[in-house]
N, C-alpha and C. Protein backbone atom coordinates (compact mmCIF):
# COMPACT_ATOMS: atom_id res chain seq x y z
N MET A 1 5.42 -13.11 -1.69
CA MET A 1 6.16 -12.68 -2.87
C MET A 1 7.42 -11.95 -2.41
N LYS A 2 8.54 -12.25 -3.03
CA LYS A 2 9.80 -11.62 -2.65
C LYS A 2 9.83 -10.19 -3.16
N HIS A 3 10.15 -9.28 -2.25
CA HIS A 3 10.17 -7.87 -2.64
C HIS A 3 11.51 -7.44 -3.21
N ASP A 4 12.55 -8.32 -3.13
CA ASP A 4 13.83 -7.92 -3.71
C ASP A 4 13.80 -8.00 -5.24
N THR A 5 12.83 -8.73 -5.79
CA THR A 5 12.72 -8.84 -7.25
C THR A 5 11.82 -7.75 -7.84
N VAL A 6 11.25 -6.91 -6.98
CA VAL A 6 10.32 -5.89 -7.43
C VAL A 6 11.09 -4.69 -7.96
N PRO A 7 10.77 -4.23 -9.18
CA PRO A 7 11.45 -3.04 -9.69
C PRO A 7 10.88 -1.79 -9.02
N PHE A 8 11.72 -1.08 -8.32
CA PHE A 8 11.28 0.14 -7.65
C PHE A 8 11.28 1.29 -8.65
N VAL A 9 10.41 2.26 -8.42
CA VAL A 9 10.24 3.42 -9.29
C VAL A 9 10.91 4.61 -8.61
N GLU A 10 11.59 5.45 -9.39
CA GLU A 10 12.22 6.66 -8.84
C GLU A 10 11.15 7.71 -8.54
N ALA A 11 11.29 8.42 -7.44
CA ALA A 11 10.32 9.44 -7.04
C ALA A 11 10.50 10.75 -7.81
N GLU A 12 11.62 10.87 -8.52
CA GLU A 12 11.91 12.11 -9.26
C GLU A 12 10.87 12.35 -10.35
N GLY A 13 10.33 13.57 -10.39
CA GLY A 13 9.42 13.96 -11.46
C GLY A 13 7.99 13.47 -11.30
N LEU A 14 7.69 12.73 -10.25
CA LEU A 14 6.32 12.26 -10.03
C LEU A 14 5.58 13.24 -9.12
N ASN A 15 4.30 13.45 -9.41
CA ASN A 15 3.46 14.31 -8.57
C ASN A 15 2.84 13.44 -7.49
N LEU A 16 3.54 13.26 -6.38
CA LEU A 16 3.13 12.33 -5.34
C LEU A 16 2.24 12.97 -4.30
N SER A 17 1.24 12.23 -3.86
CA SER A 17 0.42 12.65 -2.72
C SER A 17 0.59 11.60 -1.64
N ASP A 18 0.53 12.03 -0.38
CA ASP A 18 0.68 11.06 0.70
C ASP A 18 -0.54 11.06 1.59
N ARG A 19 -0.76 9.94 2.24
CA ARG A 19 -1.89 9.80 3.14
C ARG A 19 -1.43 9.06 4.39
N VAL A 20 -1.71 9.63 5.55
CA VAL A 20 -1.36 8.99 6.82
C VAL A 20 -2.43 7.93 7.11
N VAL A 21 -1.98 6.69 7.28
CA VAL A 21 -2.91 5.59 7.56
C VAL A 21 -3.12 5.46 9.06
N LYS A 22 -2.04 5.53 9.84
CA LYS A 22 -2.15 5.31 11.28
C LYS A 22 -1.02 6.01 12.01
N ILE A 23 -1.37 6.64 13.13
CA ILE A 23 -0.37 7.20 14.05
C ILE A 23 -0.50 6.43 15.36
N ASN A 24 0.60 5.88 15.84
CA ASN A 24 0.60 5.15 17.11
C ASN A 24 1.41 5.92 18.14
N ARG A 25 0.89 5.99 19.37
CA ARG A 25 1.65 6.59 20.46
C ARG A 25 2.24 5.45 21.29
N CYS A 26 3.52 5.54 21.53
CA CYS A 26 4.24 4.50 22.26
C CYS A 26 4.77 5.13 23.55
N ALA A 27 4.79 4.38 24.61
CA ALA A 27 5.30 4.91 25.88
C ALA A 27 6.37 3.98 26.43
N THR A 28 7.46 4.57 26.87
CA THR A 28 8.47 3.80 27.59
C THR A 28 8.51 4.35 29.01
N VAL A 29 8.52 3.46 29.98
CA VAL A 29 8.49 3.89 31.38
C VAL A 29 9.92 4.06 31.87
N VAL A 30 10.23 5.27 32.33
CA VAL A 30 11.55 5.58 32.86
C VAL A 30 11.40 6.02 34.31
N LYS A 31 12.52 6.33 34.95
CA LYS A 31 12.51 6.69 36.37
C LYS A 31 11.57 7.85 36.67
N GLY A 32 11.53 8.84 35.80
CA GLY A 32 10.72 10.03 36.06
C GLY A 32 9.28 9.92 35.58
N GLY A 33 8.88 8.80 35.03
CA GLY A 33 7.51 8.65 34.52
C GLY A 33 7.51 8.00 33.14
N ARG A 34 6.57 8.42 32.30
CA ARG A 34 6.48 7.85 30.96
C ARG A 34 7.08 8.79 29.94
N ARG A 35 7.79 8.23 28.97
CA ARG A 35 8.33 9.02 27.86
C ARG A 35 7.64 8.56 26.59
N PHE A 36 6.97 9.48 25.90
CA PHE A 36 6.17 9.12 24.73
C PHE A 36 6.94 9.33 23.43
N SER A 37 6.67 8.43 22.47
CA SER A 37 7.17 8.61 21.11
C SER A 37 6.04 8.21 20.17
N PHE A 38 6.20 8.51 18.89
CA PHE A 38 5.13 8.25 17.93
C PHE A 38 5.66 7.50 16.73
N SER A 39 4.80 6.65 16.17
CA SER A 39 5.13 5.98 14.91
C SER A 39 4.03 6.30 13.91
N ALA A 40 4.41 6.45 12.66
CA ALA A 40 3.45 6.81 11.61
C ALA A 40 3.56 5.83 10.45
N LEU A 41 2.41 5.40 9.96
CA LEU A 41 2.32 4.57 8.76
C LEU A 41 1.72 5.43 7.66
N VAL A 42 2.45 5.58 6.55
CA VAL A 42 2.04 6.49 5.48
C VAL A 42 2.09 5.75 4.14
N VAL A 43 1.11 6.04 3.26
CA VAL A 43 1.18 5.54 1.89
C VAL A 43 1.33 6.74 0.96
N VAL A 44 2.11 6.54 -0.10
CA VAL A 44 2.41 7.61 -1.06
C VAL A 44 2.12 7.07 -2.45
N GLY A 45 1.51 7.91 -3.31
CA GLY A 45 1.24 7.48 -4.68
C GLY A 45 1.01 8.65 -5.59
N ASP A 46 1.01 8.36 -6.91
CA ASP A 46 0.80 9.43 -7.89
C ASP A 46 -0.61 9.38 -8.49
N GLY A 47 -1.45 8.43 -8.06
CA GLY A 47 -2.80 8.34 -8.59
C GLY A 47 -2.85 7.72 -9.97
N ASN A 48 -1.73 7.17 -10.43
CA ASN A 48 -1.67 6.60 -11.78
C ASN A 48 -0.90 5.28 -11.79
N GLY A 49 -1.04 4.49 -10.72
CA GLY A 49 -0.41 3.18 -10.70
C GLY A 49 0.90 3.08 -9.96
N VAL A 50 1.39 4.18 -9.38
CA VAL A 50 2.62 4.13 -8.59
C VAL A 50 2.25 4.31 -7.12
N VAL A 51 2.69 3.39 -6.27
CA VAL A 51 2.33 3.45 -4.85
C VAL A 51 3.47 2.87 -4.01
N GLY A 52 3.58 3.37 -2.78
CA GLY A 52 4.58 2.88 -1.84
C GLY A 52 4.11 3.14 -0.42
N TYR A 53 4.67 2.43 0.54
CA TYR A 53 4.31 2.64 1.94
C TYR A 53 5.57 2.85 2.75
N GLY A 54 5.43 3.56 3.86
CA GLY A 54 6.59 3.81 4.71
C GLY A 54 6.19 3.87 6.16
N PHE A 55 7.17 3.61 7.03
CA PHE A 55 6.93 3.59 8.47
C PHE A 55 8.03 4.43 9.11
N GLY A 56 7.64 5.38 9.96
CA GLY A 56 8.62 6.25 10.61
C GLY A 56 8.33 6.39 12.09
N LYS A 57 9.38 6.52 12.89
CA LYS A 57 9.23 6.69 14.33
C LYS A 57 10.04 7.90 14.79
N ALA A 58 9.43 8.69 15.69
CA ALA A 58 10.13 9.88 16.21
C ALA A 58 9.47 10.32 17.51
N LYS A 59 10.08 11.33 18.15
CA LYS A 59 9.54 11.88 19.41
C LYS A 59 8.30 12.73 19.17
N GLU A 60 8.16 13.30 17.97
CA GLU A 60 7.02 14.15 17.64
C GLU A 60 6.31 13.59 16.41
N VAL A 61 4.99 13.85 16.31
CA VAL A 61 4.20 13.33 15.20
C VAL A 61 4.67 13.83 13.83
N PRO A 62 4.89 15.16 13.64
CA PRO A 62 5.31 15.63 12.31
C PRO A 62 6.63 15.00 11.84
N MET A 63 7.54 14.81 12.77
CA MET A 63 8.83 14.18 12.42
C MET A 63 8.62 12.72 12.01
N ALA A 64 7.72 12.01 12.71
CA ALA A 64 7.44 10.61 12.38
C ALA A 64 6.81 10.51 10.99
N VAL A 65 5.88 11.42 10.69
CA VAL A 65 5.22 11.42 9.37
C VAL A 65 6.24 11.74 8.28
N GLU A 66 7.12 12.70 8.55
CA GLU A 66 8.15 13.08 7.58
C GLU A 66 9.08 11.89 7.27
N LYS A 67 9.49 11.16 8.33
CA LYS A 67 10.34 9.99 8.14
C LYS A 67 9.60 8.90 7.36
N ALA A 68 8.31 8.72 7.65
CA ALA A 68 7.52 7.70 6.96
C ALA A 68 7.38 8.03 5.48
N VAL A 69 7.17 9.31 5.15
CA VAL A 69 7.05 9.72 3.75
C VAL A 69 8.37 9.49 3.02
N LYS A 70 9.47 9.81 3.68
CA LYS A 70 10.79 9.59 3.09
C LYS A 70 11.02 8.10 2.83
N ASP A 71 10.61 7.25 3.78
CA ASP A 71 10.73 5.80 3.63
C ASP A 71 9.84 5.30 2.49
N ALA A 72 8.63 5.84 2.40
CA ALA A 72 7.68 5.42 1.35
C ALA A 72 8.20 5.77 -0.04
N LYS A 73 8.86 6.92 -0.17
CA LYS A 73 9.38 7.34 -1.48
C LYS A 73 10.51 6.42 -1.95
N LYS A 74 11.17 5.73 -1.02
CA LYS A 74 12.22 4.78 -1.38
C LYS A 74 11.62 3.47 -1.89
N LYS A 75 10.35 3.19 -1.52
CA LYS A 75 9.73 1.90 -1.84
C LYS A 75 8.58 2.04 -2.84
N LEU A 76 8.67 2.99 -3.76
CA LEU A 76 7.61 3.16 -4.76
C LEU A 76 7.64 2.03 -5.77
N MET A 77 6.45 1.48 -6.07
CA MET A 77 6.34 0.38 -7.04
C MET A 77 5.22 0.68 -8.02
N ARG A 78 5.36 0.19 -9.24
CA ARG A 78 4.32 0.38 -10.26
C ARG A 78 3.34 -0.78 -10.20
N VAL A 79 2.04 -0.44 -10.20
CA VAL A 79 0.96 -1.42 -10.15
C VAL A 79 0.20 -1.36 -11.47
N PRO A 80 -0.01 -2.50 -12.15
CA PRO A 80 -0.76 -2.46 -13.40
C PRO A 80 -2.24 -2.21 -13.14
N LEU A 81 -2.80 -1.22 -13.82
CA LEU A 81 -4.22 -0.91 -13.70
C LEU A 81 -4.92 -1.21 -15.02
N TYR A 82 -6.20 -1.50 -14.94
CA TYR A 82 -7.02 -1.75 -16.12
C TYR A 82 -8.13 -0.71 -16.09
N GLY A 83 -7.88 0.44 -16.71
CA GLY A 83 -8.83 1.55 -16.63
C GLY A 83 -8.83 2.12 -15.22
N ARG A 84 -10.00 2.08 -14.58
CA ARG A 84 -10.14 2.61 -13.21
C ARG A 84 -10.11 1.51 -12.16
N THR A 85 -9.81 0.26 -12.57
CA THR A 85 -9.81 -0.86 -11.63
C THR A 85 -8.56 -1.72 -11.85
N VAL A 86 -8.55 -2.92 -11.29
CA VAL A 86 -7.41 -3.83 -11.44
C VAL A 86 -7.72 -4.87 -12.52
N PRO A 87 -6.71 -5.49 -13.13
CA PRO A 87 -6.95 -6.42 -14.23
C PRO A 87 -7.69 -7.71 -13.86
N HIS A 88 -7.45 -8.24 -12.65
CA HIS A 88 -8.06 -9.52 -12.27
C HIS A 88 -8.10 -9.64 -10.74
N PRO A 89 -8.92 -10.57 -10.21
CA PRO A 89 -8.94 -10.77 -8.75
C PRO A 89 -7.60 -11.33 -8.27
N VAL A 90 -7.22 -10.95 -7.06
CA VAL A 90 -5.93 -11.39 -6.54
C VAL A 90 -6.00 -11.41 -5.01
N LYS A 91 -5.16 -12.27 -4.40
CA LYS A 91 -5.06 -12.33 -2.94
C LYS A 91 -3.63 -11.98 -2.56
N GLY A 92 -3.50 -11.18 -1.52
CA GLY A 92 -2.19 -10.84 -0.98
C GLY A 92 -2.16 -11.18 0.49
N GLY A 93 -0.99 -11.42 1.01
CA GLY A 93 -0.89 -11.77 2.42
C GLY A 93 0.37 -11.24 3.05
N TYR A 94 0.27 -11.02 4.34
CA TYR A 94 1.45 -10.68 5.14
C TYR A 94 1.14 -11.09 6.57
N GLY A 95 1.96 -11.93 7.16
CA GLY A 95 1.68 -12.42 8.51
C GLY A 95 0.38 -13.21 8.49
N SER A 96 -0.52 -12.91 9.41
CA SER A 96 -1.81 -13.61 9.44
C SER A 96 -2.89 -12.82 8.71
N THR A 97 -2.51 -11.75 8.01
CA THR A 97 -3.47 -10.93 7.27
C THR A 97 -3.54 -11.40 5.83
N ARG A 98 -4.77 -11.55 5.34
CA ARG A 98 -5.01 -11.86 3.94
C ARG A 98 -5.94 -10.81 3.38
N VAL A 99 -5.62 -10.27 2.20
CA VAL A 99 -6.46 -9.26 1.56
C VAL A 99 -6.86 -9.77 0.18
N PHE A 100 -8.16 -9.80 -0.08
CA PHE A 100 -8.69 -10.19 -1.39
C PHE A 100 -9.10 -8.92 -2.12
N VAL A 101 -8.65 -8.78 -3.36
CA VAL A 101 -8.93 -7.60 -4.18
C VAL A 101 -9.53 -8.08 -5.49
N ALA A 102 -10.69 -7.52 -5.87
CA ALA A 102 -11.35 -7.94 -7.10
C ALA A 102 -11.79 -6.71 -7.89
N PRO A 103 -11.70 -6.78 -9.23
CA PRO A 103 -12.16 -5.65 -10.06
C PRO A 103 -13.66 -5.45 -9.91
N ALA A 104 -14.10 -4.21 -10.10
CA ALA A 104 -15.53 -3.90 -9.98
C ALA A 104 -15.97 -3.09 -11.19
N ALA A 105 -17.28 -3.06 -11.41
CA ALA A 105 -17.87 -2.32 -12.53
C ALA A 105 -17.69 -0.82 -12.31
N PRO A 106 -17.63 -0.04 -13.39
CA PRO A 106 -17.49 1.41 -13.25
C PRO A 106 -18.63 2.00 -12.41
N GLY A 107 -18.28 2.90 -11.51
CA GLY A 107 -19.27 3.53 -10.64
C GLY A 107 -19.43 2.85 -9.30
N THR A 108 -18.75 1.73 -9.09
CA THR A 108 -18.86 1.00 -7.82
C THR A 108 -18.19 1.76 -6.69
N GLY A 109 -17.04 2.36 -6.97
CA GLY A 109 -16.27 3.05 -5.93
C GLY A 109 -15.30 2.09 -5.27
N VAL A 110 -14.64 2.57 -4.22
CA VAL A 110 -13.68 1.75 -3.49
C VAL A 110 -14.38 1.17 -2.27
N THR A 111 -14.69 -0.12 -2.33
CA THR A 111 -15.32 -0.81 -1.21
C THR A 111 -14.21 -1.49 -0.43
N ALA A 112 -13.72 -0.81 0.62
CA ALA A 112 -12.56 -1.33 1.35
C ALA A 112 -12.51 -0.70 2.73
N GLY A 113 -11.79 -1.35 3.62
CA GLY A 113 -11.54 -0.80 4.94
C GLY A 113 -10.57 0.36 4.85
N PRO A 114 -10.35 1.08 5.94
CA PRO A 114 -9.55 2.31 5.89
C PRO A 114 -8.10 2.11 5.42
N SER A 115 -7.44 1.05 5.85
CA SER A 115 -6.04 0.84 5.47
C SER A 115 -5.92 0.46 4.00
N VAL A 116 -6.77 -0.46 3.53
CA VAL A 116 -6.75 -0.88 2.13
C VAL A 116 -7.16 0.29 1.24
N ARG A 117 -8.18 1.05 1.68
CA ARG A 117 -8.68 2.20 0.92
C ARG A 117 -7.57 3.22 0.68
N ALA A 118 -6.77 3.51 1.71
CA ALA A 118 -5.69 4.49 1.58
C ALA A 118 -4.71 4.06 0.49
N VAL A 119 -4.32 2.79 0.48
CA VAL A 119 -3.37 2.28 -0.52
C VAL A 119 -3.96 2.39 -1.92
N LEU A 120 -5.21 1.93 -2.08
CA LEU A 120 -5.84 1.89 -3.40
C LEU A 120 -6.11 3.29 -3.95
N GLU A 121 -6.51 4.21 -3.10
CA GLU A 121 -6.83 5.55 -3.58
C GLU A 121 -5.58 6.31 -4.04
N VAL A 122 -4.47 6.19 -3.31
CA VAL A 122 -3.26 6.88 -3.76
C VAL A 122 -2.66 6.19 -4.98
N ALA A 123 -2.99 4.90 -5.18
CA ALA A 123 -2.51 4.18 -6.36
C ALA A 123 -3.31 4.58 -7.61
N GLY A 124 -4.51 5.13 -7.42
CA GLY A 124 -5.32 5.56 -8.56
C GLY A 124 -6.43 4.60 -8.93
N VAL A 125 -6.78 3.69 -8.03
CA VAL A 125 -7.88 2.75 -8.28
C VAL A 125 -9.18 3.42 -7.83
N HIS A 126 -10.21 3.40 -8.71
CA HIS A 126 -11.47 4.07 -8.39
C HIS A 126 -12.64 3.11 -8.19
N ASP A 127 -12.58 1.93 -8.80
CA ASP A 127 -13.66 0.94 -8.69
C ASP A 127 -13.07 -0.40 -8.31
N ILE A 128 -13.36 -0.87 -7.08
CA ILE A 128 -12.75 -2.12 -6.62
C ILE A 128 -13.53 -2.68 -5.43
N LEU A 129 -13.51 -4.00 -5.30
CA LEU A 129 -14.11 -4.68 -4.15
C LEU A 129 -12.99 -5.38 -3.39
N THR A 130 -12.99 -5.27 -2.06
CA THR A 130 -11.94 -5.89 -1.26
C THR A 130 -12.53 -6.54 -0.02
N LYS A 131 -11.77 -7.48 0.54
CA LYS A 131 -12.13 -8.10 1.80
C LYS A 131 -10.86 -8.44 2.54
N THR A 132 -10.81 -8.11 3.83
CA THR A 132 -9.65 -8.40 4.66
C THR A 132 -9.98 -9.55 5.60
N TYR A 133 -9.10 -10.54 5.65
CA TYR A 133 -9.27 -11.69 6.54
C TYR A 133 -8.11 -11.73 7.51
N GLY A 134 -8.36 -12.24 8.72
CA GLY A 134 -7.29 -12.39 9.71
C GLY A 134 -7.04 -11.12 10.47
N SER A 135 -5.78 -10.84 10.73
CA SER A 135 -5.38 -9.68 11.52
C SER A 135 -5.75 -8.38 10.79
N THR A 136 -6.23 -7.39 11.55
CA THR A 136 -6.57 -6.10 10.95
C THR A 136 -5.60 -5.01 11.39
N ASN A 137 -4.41 -5.42 11.86
CA ASN A 137 -3.37 -4.46 12.20
C ASN A 137 -3.04 -3.64 10.93
N PRO A 138 -3.13 -2.30 10.99
CA PRO A 138 -2.93 -1.49 9.79
C PRO A 138 -1.62 -1.74 9.05
N VAL A 139 -0.54 -1.98 9.77
CA VAL A 139 0.75 -2.24 9.11
C VAL A 139 0.66 -3.53 8.29
N ASN A 140 0.11 -4.59 8.89
CA ASN A 140 -0.01 -5.86 8.19
C ASN A 140 -0.98 -5.75 7.01
N VAL A 141 -2.08 -5.00 7.19
CA VAL A 141 -3.07 -4.85 6.12
C VAL A 141 -2.46 -4.10 4.93
N VAL A 142 -1.71 -3.04 5.19
CA VAL A 142 -1.07 -2.28 4.10
C VAL A 142 -0.06 -3.17 3.38
N ARG A 143 0.74 -3.92 4.12
CA ARG A 143 1.74 -4.78 3.48
C ARG A 143 1.08 -5.92 2.70
N ALA A 144 -0.03 -6.47 3.21
CA ALA A 144 -0.76 -7.52 2.49
C ALA A 144 -1.39 -6.96 1.22
N THR A 145 -1.91 -5.74 1.28
CA THR A 145 -2.49 -5.10 0.11
C THR A 145 -1.42 -4.86 -0.95
N MET A 146 -0.26 -4.38 -0.53
CA MET A 146 0.85 -4.16 -1.47
C MET A 146 1.28 -5.49 -2.09
N ASP A 147 1.32 -6.56 -1.30
CA ASP A 147 1.68 -7.87 -1.82
C ASP A 147 0.68 -8.30 -2.90
N GLY A 148 -0.61 -8.10 -2.63
CA GLY A 148 -1.63 -8.44 -3.62
C GLY A 148 -1.49 -7.62 -4.89
N LEU A 149 -1.26 -6.32 -4.75
CA LEU A 149 -1.12 -5.46 -5.92
C LEU A 149 0.10 -5.83 -6.74
N LEU A 150 1.16 -6.28 -6.09
CA LEU A 150 2.37 -6.68 -6.81
C LEU A 150 2.20 -8.00 -7.54
N ARG A 151 1.17 -8.78 -7.20
CA ARG A 151 0.89 -10.03 -7.89
C ARG A 151 0.05 -9.81 -9.15
N LEU A 152 -0.44 -8.59 -9.36
CA LEU A 152 -1.25 -8.30 -10.55
C LEU A 152 -0.40 -8.36 -11.81
N ARG A 153 -0.99 -8.88 -12.88
CA ARG A 153 -0.32 -8.95 -14.18
C ARG A 153 -1.29 -8.48 -15.26
N THR A 154 -0.76 -7.76 -16.23
CA THR A 154 -1.59 -7.35 -17.37
C THR A 154 -1.63 -8.51 -18.37
N ARG A 155 -2.53 -8.42 -19.32
CA ARG A 155 -2.64 -9.46 -20.35
C ARG A 155 -1.32 -9.61 -21.11
N ALA A 156 -0.69 -8.48 -21.44
CA ALA A 156 0.58 -8.52 -22.18
C ALA A 156 1.68 -9.22 -21.36
N GLN A 157 1.72 -8.97 -20.05
CA GLN A 157 2.72 -9.60 -19.20
C GLN A 157 2.52 -11.12 -19.14
N VAL A 158 1.26 -11.55 -19.05
CA VAL A 158 0.96 -12.99 -18.99
C VAL A 158 1.34 -13.65 -20.32
N GLU A 159 1.04 -12.99 -21.44
CA GLU A 159 1.42 -13.53 -22.74
C GLU A 159 2.93 -13.68 -22.86
N ALA A 160 3.66 -12.68 -22.38
CA ALA A 160 5.12 -12.73 -22.46
C ALA A 160 5.68 -13.83 -21.57
N LEU A 161 5.12 -14.00 -20.36
CA LEU A 161 5.59 -15.03 -19.44
C LEU A 161 5.34 -16.43 -19.98
N ARG A 162 4.17 -16.66 -20.56
CA ARG A 162 3.79 -18.01 -21.01
C ARG A 162 4.16 -18.29 -22.45
N GLY A 163 4.46 -17.25 -23.22
CA GLY A 163 4.83 -17.45 -24.62
C GLY A 163 3.66 -17.82 -25.51
N VAL A 164 2.44 -17.46 -25.10
CA VAL A 164 1.23 -17.73 -25.89
C VAL A 164 0.39 -16.46 -25.96
N THR A 165 -0.58 -16.45 -26.86
CA THR A 165 -1.51 -15.33 -26.91
C THR A 165 -2.75 -15.69 -26.10
N VAL A 166 -3.18 -14.76 -25.27
CA VAL A 166 -4.34 -14.99 -24.40
C VAL A 166 -5.54 -14.26 -24.97
């Protein structure tokens, strides 16, 4: 799905919470030994259908997380929710990662791996079933999950697109 057609949400006035999904330590070998840097993958959301992800790199962990949060706030998107779950089953993909997301009965909880769980919890989803296929790289899994969530449509949106009542 093309992300340039996605309407981004402004971060102003939203009560956002962030969650660090993954911190990576990177090393570059120089004349005097190894020089370490860090990258952080962070998801940000308001718990009510607004979610975004960001990636930041820096020499120190707090700086990398700060950059990732700033990046995530630029990429906030609204996800349609149906109560405490999603409106319908959907598949999202990025690279060789595929994520299947399906609505669940109330009280089921979030049945998901750590990367998918982080995205869904900050988005405000409480009951959902998921399965990840292919690569389990956290960056790819988060992007595949976001792709799947952006493919969700409410009943009203489908009616408007097709010009019929569902």
